[in-house]
Amino acid sequence: MYVCEAAALLDGGKGVRFPVIAFGHPTTGFVVRYDGKPFAYLNRCAHVPIELDWSQGDFFESSGLYLMCSTHGAMYEPDTGRCAGGPCRGGRLRPIAVLEYDGGIWWQPDAMVQVPAAGGTV
């Protein structure tokens, strides 16, 4: 499923949210660029199942090296989703398969993360 133009993602910059159905419930995924590659995750903190972004698309902390939960400060490695510090100890973000080709970013559904019905919003 198409997410955005590849050029919309800058290393350590804003991410792009997209609607998904995760474990049977409507929610969002997000994609960011880190070290030149796109990485996508379910927009759900491993500490408490709430959305990570500070404001829409703001997933990185100020250095642009870690993804950070806006509520309790859990920090995650952008390329693996593993907890790097804070209350998420031992946790990790749920990855979503993502590809970059033809100038676009595309995500792939799996058994747990599906495409919402037509008209799903972020």
PDB file of N, CA and C in Angstrom:
ATOM      1  N   MET A   1       0.849  -1.183   0.000  1.00  0.00           N
ATOM      2  CA  MET A   1       0.000   0.000   0.000  1.00  0.00           C
ATOM      3  C   MET A   1       0.888   1.237   0.000  1.00  0.00           C
ATOM      4  N   TYR A   2       0.531   2.189  -0.825  1.00  0.00           N
ATOM      5  CA  TYR A   2       1.307   3.416  -0.954  1.00  0.00           C
ATOM      6  C   TYR A   2       1.189   4.265   0.315  1.00  0.00           C
ATOM      7  N   VAL A   3       2.318   4.824   0.772  1.00  0.00           N
ATOM      8  CA  VAL A   3       2.328   5.718   1.929  1.00  0.00           C
ATOM      9  C   VAL A   3       2.592   7.156   1.508  1.00  0.00           C
ATOM     10  N   CYS A   4       3.717   7.386   0.798  1.00  0.00           N
ATOM     11  CA  CYS A   4       4.097   8.752   0.449  1.00  0.00           C
ATOM     12  C   CYS A   4       5.214   8.737  -0.588  1.00  0.00           C
ATOM     13  N   GLU A   5       5.555   9.901  -1.086  1.00  0.00           N
ATOM     14  CA  GLU A   5       6.714  10.055  -1.953  1.00  0.00           C
ATOM     15  C   GLU A   5       7.961   9.821  -1.112  1.00  0.00           C
ATOM     16  N   ALA A   6       8.948   9.149  -1.662  1.00  0.00           N
ATOM     17  CA  ALA A   6      10.192   8.879  -0.941  1.00  0.00           C
ATOM     18  C   ALA A   6      10.868  10.165  -0.488  1.00  0.00           C
ATOM     19  N   ALA A   7      10.783  11.212  -1.296  1.00  0.00           N
ATOM     20  CA  ALA A   7      11.422  12.487  -0.978  1.00  0.00           C
ATOM     21  C   ALA A   7      10.815  13.166   0.250  1.00  0.00           C
ATOM     22  N   ALA A   8       9.633  12.725   0.687  1.00  0.00           N
ATOM     23  CA  ALA A   8       8.988  13.307   1.863  1.00  0.00           C
ATOM     24  C   ALA A   8       9.684  12.909   3.158  1.00  0.00           C
ATOM     25  N   LEU A   9      10.525  11.877   3.108  1.00  0.00           N
ATOM     26  CA  LEU A   9      11.210  11.392   4.312  1.00  0.00           C
ATOM     27  C   LEU A   9      12.674  11.802   4.295  1.00  0.00           C
ATOM     28  N   LEU A  10      13.083  12.569   5.297  1.00  0.00           N
ATOM     29  CA  LEU A  10      14.464  12.979   5.445  1.00  0.00           C
ATOM     30  C   LEU A  10      15.060  12.265   6.654  1.00  0.00           C
ATOM     31  N   ASP A  11      16.343  11.926   6.589  1.00  0.00           N
ATOM     32  CA  ASP A  11      17.013  11.262   7.713  1.00  0.00           C
ATOM     33  C   ASP A  11      16.777  12.021   9.011  1.00  0.00           C
ATOM     34  N   GLY A  12      16.227  11.336  10.009  1.00  0.00           N
ATOM     35  CA  GLY A  12      15.987  11.937  11.313  1.00  0.00           C
ATOM     36  C   GLY A  12      14.914  13.006  11.324  1.00  0.00           C
ATOM     37  N   GLY A  13      14.167  13.132  10.232  1.00  0.00           N
ATOM     38  CA  GLY A  13      13.134  14.164  10.122  1.00  0.00           C
ATOM     39  C   GLY A  13      11.746  13.628  10.445  1.00  0.00           C
ATOM     40  N   LYS A  14      10.762  14.380  10.035  1.00  0.00           N
ATOM     41  CA  LYS A  14       9.369  13.977  10.290  1.00  0.00           C
ATOM     42  C   LYS A  14       9.061  12.647   9.630  1.00  0.00           C
ATOM     43  N   GLY A  15       8.208  11.895  10.289  1.00  0.00           N
ATOM     44  CA  GLY A  15       7.714  10.657   9.729  1.00  0.00           C
ATOM     45  C   GLY A  15       6.358  10.878   9.096  1.00  0.00           C
ATOM     46  N   VAL A  16       5.858   9.846   8.451  1.00  0.00           N
ATOM     47  CA  VAL A  16       4.538   9.907   7.827  1.00  0.00           C
ATOM     48  C   VAL A  16       3.679   8.799   8.432  1.00  0.00           C
ATOM     49  N   ARG A  17       2.519   9.184   8.927  1.00  0.00           N
ATOM     50  CA  ARG A  17       1.560   8.226   9.497  1.00  0.00           C
ATOM     51  C   ARG A  17       0.683   7.663   8.389  1.00  0.00           C
ATOM     52  N   PHE A  18       0.189   6.437   8.599  1.00  0.00           N
ATOM     53  CA  PHE A  18      -0.752   5.842   7.657  1.00  0.00           C
ATOM     54  C   PHE A  18      -1.698   4.925   8.423  1.00  0.00           C
ATOM     55  N   PRO A  19      -2.948   4.821   7.957  1.00  0.00           N
ATOM     56  CA  PRO A  19      -3.940   4.012   8.673  1.00  0.00           C
ATOM     57  C   PRO A  19      -3.712   2.519   8.476  1.00  0.00           C
ATOM     58  N   VAL A  20      -3.915   1.749   9.538  1.00  0.00           N
ATOM     59  CA  VAL A  20      -3.829   0.292   9.500  1.00  0.00           C
ATOM     60  C   VAL A  20      -4.886  -0.285  10.434  1.00  0.00           C
ATOM     61  N   ILE A  21      -5.114  -1.562  10.270  1.00  0.00           N
ATOM     62  CA  ILE A  21      -5.886  -2.338  11.240  1.00  0.00           C
ATOM     63  C   ILE A  21      -4.876  -3.262  11.899  1.00  0.00           C
ATOM     64  N   ALA A  22      -4.669  -3.114  13.200  1.00  0.00           N
ATOM     65  CA  ALA A  22      -3.692  -3.931  13.913  1.00  0.00           C
ATOM     66  C   ALA A  22      -4.408  -4.769  14.963  1.00  0.00           C
ATOM     67  N   PHE A  23      -4.230  -6.071  14.854  1.00  0.00           N
ATOM     68  CA  PHE A  23      -4.853  -6.998  15.802  1.00  0.00           C
ATOM     69  C   PHE A  23      -6.358  -6.758  15.881  1.00  0.00           C
ATOM     70  N   GLY A  24      -6.944  -6.403  14.705  1.00  0.00           N
ATOM     71  CA  GLY A  24      -8.386  -6.225  14.597  1.00  0.00           C
ATOM     72  C   GLY A  24      -8.911  -4.841  14.937  1.00  0.00           C
ATOM     73  N   HIS A  25      -8.031  -3.889  15.271  1.00  0.00           N
ATOM     74  CA  HIS A  25      -8.474  -2.560  15.677  1.00  0.00           C
ATOM     75  C   HIS A  25      -7.856  -1.481  14.793  1.00  0.00           C
ATOM     76  N   PRO A  26      -8.622  -0.421  14.459  1.00  0.00           N
ATOM     77  CA  PRO A  26      -8.063   0.664  13.655  1.00  0.00           C
ATOM     78  C   PRO A  26      -7.031   1.458  14.462  1.00  0.00           C
ATOM     79  N   THR A  27      -5.905   1.742  13.841  1.00  0.00           N
ATOM     80  CA  THR A  27      -4.837   2.523  14.466  1.00  0.00           C
ATOM     81  C   THR A  27      -3.961   3.081  13.355  1.00  0.00           C
ATOM     82  N   THR A  28      -2.756   3.478  13.676  1.00  0.00           N
ATOM     83  CA  THR A  28      -1.861   4.002  12.658  1.00  0.00           C
ATOM     84  C   THR A  28      -0.509   3.298  12.697  1.00  0.00           C
ATOM     85  N   GLY A  29       0.128   3.299  11.553  1.00  0.00           N
ATOM     86  CA  GLY A  29       1.525   2.938  11.434  1.00  0.00           C
ATOM     87  C   GLY A  29       2.258   4.211  11.079  1.00  0.00           C
ATOM     88  N   PHE A  30       3.581   4.142  11.082  1.00  0.00           N
ATOM     89  CA  PHE A  30       4.359   5.290  10.649  1.00  0.00           C
ATOM     90  C   PHE A  30       5.643   4.824   9.990  1.00  0.00           C
ATOM     91  N   VAL A  31       6.160   5.675   9.127  1.00  0.00           N
ATOM     92  CA  VAL A  31       7.422   5.396   8.453  1.00  0.00           C
ATOM     93  C   VAL A  31       8.337   6.602   8.642  1.00  0.00           C
ATOM     94  N   VAL A  32       9.613   6.312   8.918  1.00  0.00           N
ATOM     95  CA  VAL A  32      10.638   7.340   9.047  1.00  0.00           C
ATOM     96  C   VAL A  32      11.836   6.921   8.194  1.00  0.00           C
ATOM     97  N   ARG A  33      12.731   7.861   7.967  1.00  0.00           N
ATOM     98  CA  ARG A  33      13.979   7.534   7.278  1.00  0.00           C
ATOM     99  C   ARG A  33      15.113   7.679   8.285  1.00  0.00           C
ATOM    100  N   TYR A  34      15.985   6.660   8.297  1.00  0.00           N
ATOM    101  CA  TYR A  34      17.138   6.670   9.188  1.00  0.00           C
ATOM    102  C   TYR A  34      18.298   6.006   8.464  1.00  0.00           C
ATOM    103  N   ASP A  35      19.448   6.635   8.481  1.00  0.00           N
ATOM    104  CA  ASP A  35      20.638   6.116   7.801  1.00  0.00           C
ATOM    105  C   ASP A  35      20.342   5.802   6.331  1.00  0.00           C
ATOM    106  N   GLY A  36      19.504   6.648   5.723  1.00  0.00           N
ATOM    107  CA  GLY A  36      19.203   6.526   4.302  1.00  0.00           C
ATOM    108  C   GLY A  36      18.129   5.521   3.935  1.00  0.00           C
ATOM    109  N   LYS A  37      17.582   4.795   4.909  1.00  0.00           N
ATOM    110  CA  LYS A  37      16.587   3.757   4.617  1.00  0.00           C
ATOM    111  C   LYS A  37      15.270   4.035   5.339  1.00  0.00           C
ATOM    112  N   PRO A  38      14.160   3.609   4.742  1.00  0.00           N
ATOM    113  CA  PRO A  38      12.876   3.764   5.430  1.00  0.00           C
ATOM    114  C   PRO A  38      12.640   2.602   6.406  1.00  0.00           C
ATOM    115  N   PHE A  39      12.040   2.932   7.541  1.00  0.00           N
ATOM    116  CA  PHE A  39      11.649   1.937   8.542  1.00  0.00           C
ATOM    117  C   PHE A  39      10.237   2.270   8.982  1.00  0.00           C
ATOM    118  N   ALA A  40       9.393   1.236   9.102  1.00  0.00           N
ATOM    119  CA  ALA A  40       7.999   1.460   9.485  1.00  0.00           C
ATOM    120  C   ALA A  40       7.650   0.613  10.705  1.00  0.00           C
ATOM    121  N   TYR A  41       6.781   1.178  11.536  1.00  0.00           N
ATOM    122  CA  TYR A  41       6.358   0.512  12.774  1.00  0.00           C
ATOM    123  C   TYR A  41       4.898   0.827  13.056  1.00  0.00           C
ATOM    124  N   LEU A  42       4.300   0.001  13.875  1.00  0.00           N
ATOM    125  CA  LEU A  42       2.984   0.291  14.419  1.00  0.00           C
ATOM    126  C   LEU A  42       3.168   1.480  15.360  1.00  0.00           C
ATOM    127  N   ASN A  43       2.303   2.450  15.301  1.00  0.00           N
ATOM    128  CA  ASN A  43       2.427   3.649  16.129  1.00  0.00           C
ATOM    129  C   ASN A  43       1.890   3.360  17.529  1.00  0.00           C
ATOM    130  N   ARG A  44       2.633   2.512  18.237  1.00  0.00           N
ATOM    131  CA  ARG A  44       2.211   2.067  19.566  1.00  0.00           C
ATOM    132  C   ARG A  44       3.453   1.815  20.413  1.00  0.00           C
ATOM    133  N   CYS A  45       3.575   2.530  21.514  1.00  0.00           N
ATOM    134  CA  CYS A  45       4.704   2.371  22.429  1.00  0.00           C
ATOM    135  C   CYS A  45       4.681   0.975  23.059  1.00  0.00           C
ATOM    136  N   ALA A  46       5.872   0.398  23.261  1.00  0.00           N
ATOM    137  CA  ALA A  46       5.961  -0.920  23.896  1.00  0.00           C
ATOM    138  C   ALA A  46       5.718  -0.840  25.402  1.00  0.00           C
ATOM    139  N   HIS A  47       5.851   0.341  25.969  1.00  0.00           N
ATOM    140  CA  HIS A  47       5.648   0.533  27.413  1.00  0.00           C
ATOM    141  C   HIS A  47       4.163   0.583  27.742  1.00  0.00           C
ATOM    142  N   VAL A  48       3.449   1.475  27.087  1.00  0.00           N
ATOM    143  CA  VAL A  48       2.000   1.631  27.230  1.00  0.00           C
ATOM    144  C   VAL A  48       1.475   1.786  25.803  1.00  0.00           C
ATOM    145  N   PRO A  49       0.442   1.062  25.415  1.00  0.00           N
ATOM    146  CA  PRO A  49      -0.006   1.100  24.008  1.00  0.00           C
ATOM    147  C   PRO A  49      -0.678   2.415  23.609  1.00  0.00           C
ATOM    148  N   ILE A  50       0.146   3.475  23.506  1.00  0.00           N
ATOM    149  CA  ILE A  50      -0.317   4.786  23.053  1.00  0.00           C
ATOM    150  C   ILE A  50       0.564   5.217  21.884  1.00  0.00           C
ATOM    151  N   GLU A  51       0.083   6.185  21.100  1.00  0.00           N
ATOM    152  CA  GLU A  51       0.851   6.661  19.950  1.00  0.00           C
ATOM    153  C   GLU A  51       2.115   7.381  20.416  1.00  0.00           C
ATOM    154  N   LEU A  52       3.176   7.265  19.623  1.00  0.00           N
ATOM    155  CA  LEU A  52       4.459   7.834  19.990  1.00  0.00           C
ATOM    156  C   LEU A  52       4.615   9.311  19.671  1.00  0.00           C
ATOM    157  N   ASP A  53       4.117   9.769  18.524  1.00  0.00           N
ATOM    158  CA  ASP A  53       4.484  11.101  18.038  1.00  0.00           C
ATOM    159  C   ASP A  53       3.999  12.248  18.924  1.00  0.00           C
ATOM    160  N   TRP A  54       4.900  13.247  19.030  1.00  0.00           N
ATOM    161  CA  TRP A  54       4.648  14.460  19.832  1.00  0.00           C
ATOM    162  C   TRP A  54       3.518  15.258  19.204  1.00  0.00           C
ATOM    163  N   SER A  55       3.662  15.509  17.945  1.00  0.00           N
ATOM    164  CA  SER A  55       2.602  16.067  17.115  1.00  0.00           C
ATOM    165  C   SER A  55       2.689  15.237  15.840  1.00  0.00           C
ATOM    166  N   GLN A  56       1.721  15.328  14.997  1.00  0.00           N
ATOM    167  CA  GLN A  56       1.657  14.410  13.863  1.00  0.00           C
ATOM    168  C   GLN A  56       2.970  14.389  13.079  1.00  0.00           C
ATOM    169  N   GLY A  57       3.610  13.211  13.053  1.00  0.00           N
ATOM    170  CA  GLY A  57       4.837  13.013  12.292  1.00  0.00           C
ATOM    171  C   GLY A  57       6.120  13.247  13.059  1.00  0.00           C
ATOM    172  N   ASP A  58       6.056  13.767  14.289  1.00  0.00           N
ATOM    173  CA  ASP A  58       7.261  14.013  15.087  1.00  0.00           C
ATOM    174  C   ASP A  58       7.559  12.803  15.971  1.00  0.00           C
ATOM    175  N   PHE A  59       8.412  11.919  15.452  1.00  0.00           N
ATOM    176  CA  PHE A  59       8.769  10.690  16.159  1.00  0.00           C
ATOM    177  C   PHE A  59      10.176  10.723  16.739  1.00  0.00           C
ATOM    178  N   PHE A  60      11.079  11.456  16.103  1.00  0.00           N
ATOM    179  CA  PHE A  60      12.461  11.503  16.576  1.00  0.00           C
ATOM    180  C   PHE A  60      12.614  12.488  17.726  1.00  0.00           C
ATOM    181  N   GLU A  61      13.541  12.163  18.652  1.00  0.00           N
ATOM    182  CA  GLU A  61      13.906  13.137  19.669  1.00  0.00           C
ATOM    183  C   GLU A  61      14.821  14.154  19.009  1.00  0.00           C
ATOM    184  N   SER A  62      15.248  15.181  19.735  1.00  0.00           N
ATOM    185  CA  SER A  62      15.909  16.336  19.131  1.00  0.00           C
ATOM    186  C   SER A  62      17.194  16.032  18.365  1.00  0.00           C
ATOM    187  N   SER A  63      17.939  14.986  18.718  1.00  0.00           N
ATOM    188  CA  SER A  63      19.172  14.676  17.993  1.00  0.00           C
ATOM    189  C   SER A  63      18.917  13.962  16.668  1.00  0.00           C
ATOM    190  N   GLY A  64      17.708  13.413  16.491  1.00  0.00           N
ATOM    191  CA  GLY A  64      17.385  12.656  15.289  1.00  0.00           C
ATOM    192  C   GLY A  64      17.981  11.263  15.274  1.00  0.00           C
ATOM    193  N   LEU A  65      18.451  10.787  16.434  1.00  0.00           N
ATOM    194  CA  LEU A  65      19.073   9.459  16.519  1.00  0.00           C
ATOM    195  C   LEU A  65      18.145   8.386  17.070  1.00  0.00           C
ATOM    196  N   TYR A  66      17.123   8.785  17.812  1.00  0.00           N
ATOM    197  CA  TYR A  66      16.207   7.821  18.424  1.00  0.00           C
ATOM    198  C   TYR A  66      14.760   8.241  18.216  1.00  0.00           C
ATOM    199  N   LEU A  67      13.881   7.241  18.126  1.00  0.00           N
ATOM    200  CA  LEU A  67      12.444   7.480  18.159  1.00  0.00           C
ATOM    201  C   LEU A  67      12.075   7.594  19.631  1.00  0.00           C
ATOM    202  N   MET A  68      11.170   8.502  19.957  1.00  0.00           N
ATOM    203  CA  MET A  68      10.860   8.725  21.371  1.00  0.00           C
ATOM    204  C   MET A  68       9.363   8.853  21.593  1.00  0.00           C
ATOM    205  N   CYS A  69       8.862   8.157  22.596  1.00  0.00           N
ATOM    206  CA  CYS A  69       7.451   8.255  22.964  1.00  0.00           C
ATOM    207  C   CYS A  69       7.213   9.587  23.651  1.00  0.00           C
ATOM    208  N   SER A  70       6.227  10.306  23.183  1.00  0.00           N
ATOM    209  CA  SER A  70       5.935  11.636  23.710  1.00  0.00           C
ATOM    210  C   SER A  70       5.366  11.609  25.124  1.00  0.00           C
ATOM    211  N   THR A  71       4.854  10.493  25.580  1.00  0.00           N
ATOM    212  CA  THR A  71       4.205  10.452  26.887  1.00  0.00           C
ATOM    213  C   THR A  71       5.166  10.142  28.031  1.00  0.00           C
ATOM    214  N   HIS A  72       5.942   9.076  27.934  1.00  0.00           N
ATOM    215  CA  HIS A  72       6.823   8.681  29.037  1.00  0.00           C
ATOM    216  C   HIS A  72       8.302   8.675  28.680  1.00  0.00           C
ATOM    217  N   GLY A  73       8.657   9.089  27.471  1.00  0.00           N
ATOM    218  CA  GLY A  73      10.059   9.203  27.098  1.00  0.00           C
ATOM    219  C   GLY A  73      10.761   7.916  26.723  1.00  0.00           C
ATOM    220  N   ALA A  74      10.034   6.844  26.466  1.00  0.00           N
ATOM    221  CA  ALA A  74      10.671   5.608  26.001  1.00  0.00           C
ATOM    222  C   ALA A  74      11.378   5.900  24.686  1.00  0.00           C
ATOM    223  N   MET A  75      12.613   5.393  24.552  1.00  0.00           N
ATOM    224  CA  MET A  75      13.407   5.657  23.349  1.00  0.00           C
ATOM    225  C   MET A  75      13.698   4.355  22.614  1.00  0.00           C
ATOM    226  N   TYR A  76      13.627   4.425  21.290  1.00  0.00           N
ATOM    227  CA  TYR A  76      13.784   3.241  20.445  1.00  0.00           C
ATOM    228  C   TYR A  76      14.802   3.486  19.340  1.00  0.00           C
ATOM    229  N   GLU A  77      15.540   2.443  18.994  1.00  0.00           N
ATOM    230  CA  GLU A  77      16.457   2.504  17.857  1.00  0.00           C
ATOM    231  C   GLU A  77      15.611   2.538  16.585  1.00  0.00           C
ATOM    232  N   PRO A  78      15.824   3.522  15.717  1.00  0.00           N
ATOM    233  CA  PRO A  78      14.978   3.649  14.528  1.00  0.00           C
ATOM    234  C   PRO A  78      15.116   2.509  13.528  1.00  0.00           C
ATOM    235  N   ASP A  79      16.263   1.854  13.488  1.00  0.00           N
ATOM    236  CA  ASP A  79      16.481   0.795  12.504  1.00  0.00           C
ATOM    237  C   ASP A  79      16.074  -0.592  12.982  1.00  0.00           C
ATOM    238  N   THR A  80      15.875  -0.772  14.287  1.00  0.00           N
ATOM    239  CA  THR A  80      15.488  -2.088  14.812  1.00  0.00           C
ATOM    240  C   THR A  80      14.193  -2.053  15.607  1.00  0.00           C
ATOM    241  N   GLY A  81      13.824  -0.875  16.122  1.00  0.00           N
ATOM    242  CA  GLY A  81      12.646  -0.754  16.979  1.00  0.00           C
ATOM    243  C   GLY A  81      12.896  -1.198  18.412  1.00  0.00           C
ATOM    244  N   ARG A  82      14.131  -1.610  18.727  1.00  0.00           N
ATOM    245  CA  ARG A  82      14.449  -2.054  20.087  1.00  0.00           C
ATOM    246  C   ARG A  82      14.508  -0.879  21.046  1.00  0.00           C
ATOM    247  N   CYS A  83      14.084  -1.137  22.285  1.00  0.00           N
ATOM    248  CA  CYS A  83      14.144  -0.130  23.330  1.00  0.00           C
ATOM    249  C   CYS A  83      15.602   0.238  23.582  1.00  0.00           C
ATOM    250  N   ALA A  84      15.878   1.542  23.607  1.00  0.00           N
ATOM    251  CA  ALA A  84      17.234   2.036  23.857  1.00  0.00           C
ATOM    252  C   ALA A  84      17.320   2.742  25.205  1.00  0.00           C
ATOM    253  N   GLY A  85      16.197   2.916  25.877  1.00  0.00           N
ATOM    254  CA  GLY A  85      16.206   3.569  27.178  1.00  0.00           C
ATOM    255  C   GLY A  85      14.814   3.986  27.600  1.00  0.00           C
ATOM    256  N   GLY A  86      14.657   4.164  28.891  1.00  0.00           N
ATOM    257  CA  GLY A  86      13.371   4.582  29.425  1.00  0.00           C
ATOM    258  C   GLY A  86      12.507   3.398  29.833  1.00  0.00           C
ATOM    259  N   PRO A  87      11.226   3.634  30.035  1.00  0.00           N
ATOM    260  CA  PRO A  87      10.345   2.611  30.592  1.00  0.00           C
ATOM    261  C   PRO A  87       9.985   1.454  29.663  1.00  0.00           C
ATOM    262  N   CYS A  88      10.505   1.435  28.463  1.00  0.00           N
ATOM    263  CA  CYS A  88      10.202   0.347  27.521  1.00  0.00           C
ATOM    264  C   CYS A  88      11.166  -0.825  27.681  1.00  0.00           C
ATOM    265  N   ARG A  89      11.980  -0.815  28.708  1.00  0.00           N
ATOM    266  CA  ARG A  89      13.047  -1.803  28.926  1.00  0.00           C
ATOM    267  C   ARG A  89      12.651  -3.207  28.457  1.00  0.00           C
ATOM    268  N   GLY A  90      13.460  -3.731  27.535  1.00  0.00           N
ATOM    269  CA  GLY A  90      13.223  -5.079  27.009  1.00  0.00           C
ATOM    270  C   GLY A  90      12.181  -5.142  25.907  1.00  0.00           C
ATOM    271  N   GLY A  91      11.517  -4.029  25.612  1.00  0.00           N
ATOM    272  CA  GLY A  91      10.468  -4.024  24.602  1.00  0.00           C
ATOM    273  C   GLY A  91      10.991  -3.614  23.236  1.00  0.00           C
ATOM    274  N   ARG A  92      10.094  -3.631  22.289  1.00  0.00           N
ATOM    275  CA  ARG A  92      10.435  -3.163  20.945  1.00  0.00           C
ATOM    276  C   ARG A  92       9.165  -2.762  20.229  1.00  0.00           C
ATOM    277  N   LEU A  93       9.328  -1.904  19.245  1.00  0.00           N
ATOM    278  CA  LEU A  93       8.200  -1.505  18.411  1.00  0.00           C
ATOM    279  C   LEU A  93       7.855  -2.636  17.453  1.00  0.00           C
ATOM    280  N   ARG A  94       6.593  -2.736  17.072  1.00  0.00           N
ATOM    281  CA  ARG A  94       6.127  -3.759  16.133  1.00  0.00           C
ATOM    282  C   ARG A  94       6.444  -3.291  14.717  1.00  0.00           C
ATOM    283  N   PRO A  95       7.380  -3.969  14.006  1.00  0.00           N
ATOM    284  CA  PRO A  95       7.737  -3.530  12.656  1.00  0.00           C
ATOM    285  C   PRO A  95       6.626  -3.795  11.641  1.00  0.00           C
ATOM    286  N   ILE A  96       6.620  -2.966  10.612  1.00  0.00           N
ATOM    287  CA  ILE A  96       5.745  -3.138   9.454  1.00  0.00           C
ATOM    288  C   ILE A  96       6.665  -3.165   8.238  1.00  0.00           C
ATOM    289  N   ALA A  97       6.520  -4.167   7.400  1.00  0.00           N
ATOM    290  CA  ALA A  97       7.370  -4.276   6.207  1.00  0.00           C
ATOM    291  C   ALA A  97       7.154  -3.080   5.303  1.00  0.00           C
ATOM    292  N   VAL A  98       8.248  -2.487   4.852  1.00  0.00           N
ATOM    293  CA  VAL A  98       8.182  -1.290   4.014  1.00  0.00           C
ATOM    294  C   VAL A  98       9.221  -1.391   2.898  1.00  0.00           C
ATOM    295  N   LEU A  99       8.850  -0.871   1.732  1.00  0.00           N
ATOM    296  CA  LEU A  99       9.735  -0.872   0.568  1.00  0.00           C
ATOM    297  C   LEU A  99       9.803   0.526  -0.012  1.00  0.00           C
ATOM    298  N   GLU A 100      10.946   0.842  -0.604  1.00  0.00           N
ATOM    299  CA  GLU A 100      11.086   2.088  -1.332  1.00  0.00           C
ATOM    300  C   GLU A 100      11.396   1.750  -2.781  1.00  0.00           C
ATOM    301  N   TYR A 101      10.520   2.145  -3.689  1.00  0.00           N
ATOM    302  CA  TYR A 101      10.773   1.945  -5.113  1.00  0.00           C
ATOM    303  C   TYR A 101       9.910   2.890  -5.927  1.00  0.00           C
ATOM    304  N   ASP A 102      10.349   3.143  -7.157  1.00  0.00           N
ATOM    305  CA  ASP A 102       9.652   4.050  -8.077  1.00  0.00           C
ATOM    306  C   ASP A 102       9.357   5.404  -7.450  1.00  0.00           C
ATOM    307  N   GLY A 103      10.266   5.877  -6.586  1.00  0.00           N
ATOM    308  CA  GLY A 103      10.091   7.188  -5.970  1.00  0.00           C
ATOM    309  C   GLY A 103       9.059   7.236  -4.878  1.00  0.00           C
ATOM    310  N   GLY A 104       8.576   6.072  -4.431  1.00  0.00           N
ATOM    311  CA  GLY A 104       7.554   6.039  -3.388  1.00  0.00           C
ATOM    312  C   GLY A 104       7.923   5.128  -2.233  1.00  0.00           C
ATOM    313  N   ILE A 105       7.167   5.247  -1.158  1.00  0.00           N
ATOM    314  CA  ILE A 105       7.289   4.379   0.018  1.00  0.00           C
ATOM    315  C   ILE A 105       6.000   3.572   0.091  1.00  0.00           C
ATOM    316  N   TRP A 106       6.149   2.257   0.236  1.00  0.00           N
ATOM    317  CA  TRP A 106       5.015   1.325   0.229  1.00  0.00           C
ATOM    318  C   TRP A 106       5.114   0.405   1.433  1.00  0.00           C
ATOM    319  N   TRP A 107       3.987   0.126   2.082  1.00  0.00           N
ATOM    320  CA  TRP A 107       4.006  -0.835   3.190  1.00  0.00           C
ATOM    321  C   TRP A 107       3.273  -2.096   2.779  1.00  0.00           C
ATOM    322  N   GLN A 108       3.643  -3.197   3.440  1.00  0.00           N
ATOM    323  CA  GLN A 108       3.058  -4.497   3.117  1.00  0.00           C
ATOM    324  C   GLN A 108       2.296  -5.058   4.314  1.00  0.00           C
ATOM    325  N   PRO A 109       1.030  -5.390   4.135  1.00  0.00           N
ATOM    326  CA  PRO A 109       0.249  -6.006   5.208  1.00  0.00           C
ATOM    327  C   PRO A 109       0.823  -7.375   5.577  1.00  0.00           C
ATOM    328  N   ASP A 110       0.517  -7.834   6.775  1.00  0.00           N
ATOM    329  CA  ASP A 110       0.887  -9.185   7.205  1.00  0.00           C
ATOM    330  C   ASP A 110      -0.281  -9.760   8.004  1.00  0.00           C
ATOM    331  N   ALA A 111      -0.065 -10.841   8.699  1.00  0.00           N
ATOM    332  CA  ALA A 111      -1.151 -11.513   9.414  1.00  0.00           C
ATOM    333  C   ALA A 111      -1.761 -10.649  10.517  1.00  0.00           C
ATOM    334  N   MET A 112      -0.983  -9.749  11.108  1.00  0.00           N
ATOM    335  CA  MET A 112      -1.477  -8.948  12.228  1.00  0.00           C
ATOM    336  C   MET A 112      -1.777  -7.492  11.877  1.00  0.00           C
ATOM    337  N   VAL A 113      -1.156  -6.983  10.822  1.00  0.00           N
ATOM    338  CA  VAL A 113      -1.362  -5.582  10.419  1.00  0.00           C
ATOM    339  C   VAL A 113      -1.936  -5.592   9.011  1.00  0.00           C
ATOM    340  N   GLN A 114      -3.183  -5.128   8.902  1.00  0.00           N
ATOM    341  CA  GLN A 114      -3.929  -5.213   7.651  1.00  0.00           C
ATOM    342  C   GLN A 114      -4.318  -3.825   7.140  1.00  0.00           C
ATOM    343  N   VAL A 115      -4.768  -3.823   5.895  1.00  0.00           N
ATOM    344  CA  VAL A 115      -5.250  -2.599   5.244  1.00  0.00           C
ATOM    345  C   VAL A 115      -6.658  -2.296   5.770  1.00  0.00           C
ATOM    346  N   PRO A 116      -6.899  -1.031   6.175  1.00  0.00           N
ATOM    347  CA  PRO A 116      -8.254  -0.687   6.639  1.00  0.00           C
ATOM    348  C   PRO A 116      -9.230  -0.642   5.465  1.00  0.00           C
ATOM    349  N   ALA A 117     -10.501  -0.690   5.784  1.00  0.00           N
ATOM    350  CA  ALA A 117     -11.546  -0.561   4.769  1.00  0.00           C
ATOM    351  C   ALA A 117     -11.392   0.797   4.096  1.00  0.00           C
ATOM    352  N   ALA A 118     -11.910   0.949   2.910  1.00  0.00           N
ATOM    353  CA  ALA A 118     -11.838   2.220   2.177  1.00  0.00           C
ATOM    354  C   ALA A 118     -12.306   3.366   3.066  1.00  0.00           C
ATOM    355  N   GLY A 119     -11.570   4.472   2.988  1.00  0.00           N
ATOM    356  CA  GLY A 119     -11.956   5.637   3.760  1.00  0.00           C
ATOM    357  C   GLY A 119     -11.287   5.725   5.107  1.00  0.00           C
ATOM    358  N   GLY A 120     -10.368   4.774   5.440  1.00  0.00           N
ATOM    359  CA  GLY A 120      -9.647   4.836   6.705  1.00  0.00           C
ATOM    360  C   GLY A 120      -8.819   6.113   6.775  1.00  0.00           C
ATOM    361  N   THR A 121      -8.763   6.735   7.938  1.00  0.00           N
ATOM    362  CA  THR A 121      -8.026   7.976   8.088  1.00  0.00           C
ATOM    363  C   THR A 121      -6.928   7.813   9.116  1.00  0.00           C
ATOM    364  N   VAL A 122      -5.998   8.766   9.094  1.00  0.00           N
ATOM    365  CA  VAL A 122      -4.869   8.755  10.023  1.00  0.00           C
ATOM    366  C   VAL A 122      -5.216   9.543  11.255  1.00  0.00           C
TER     367      VAL A 122
END
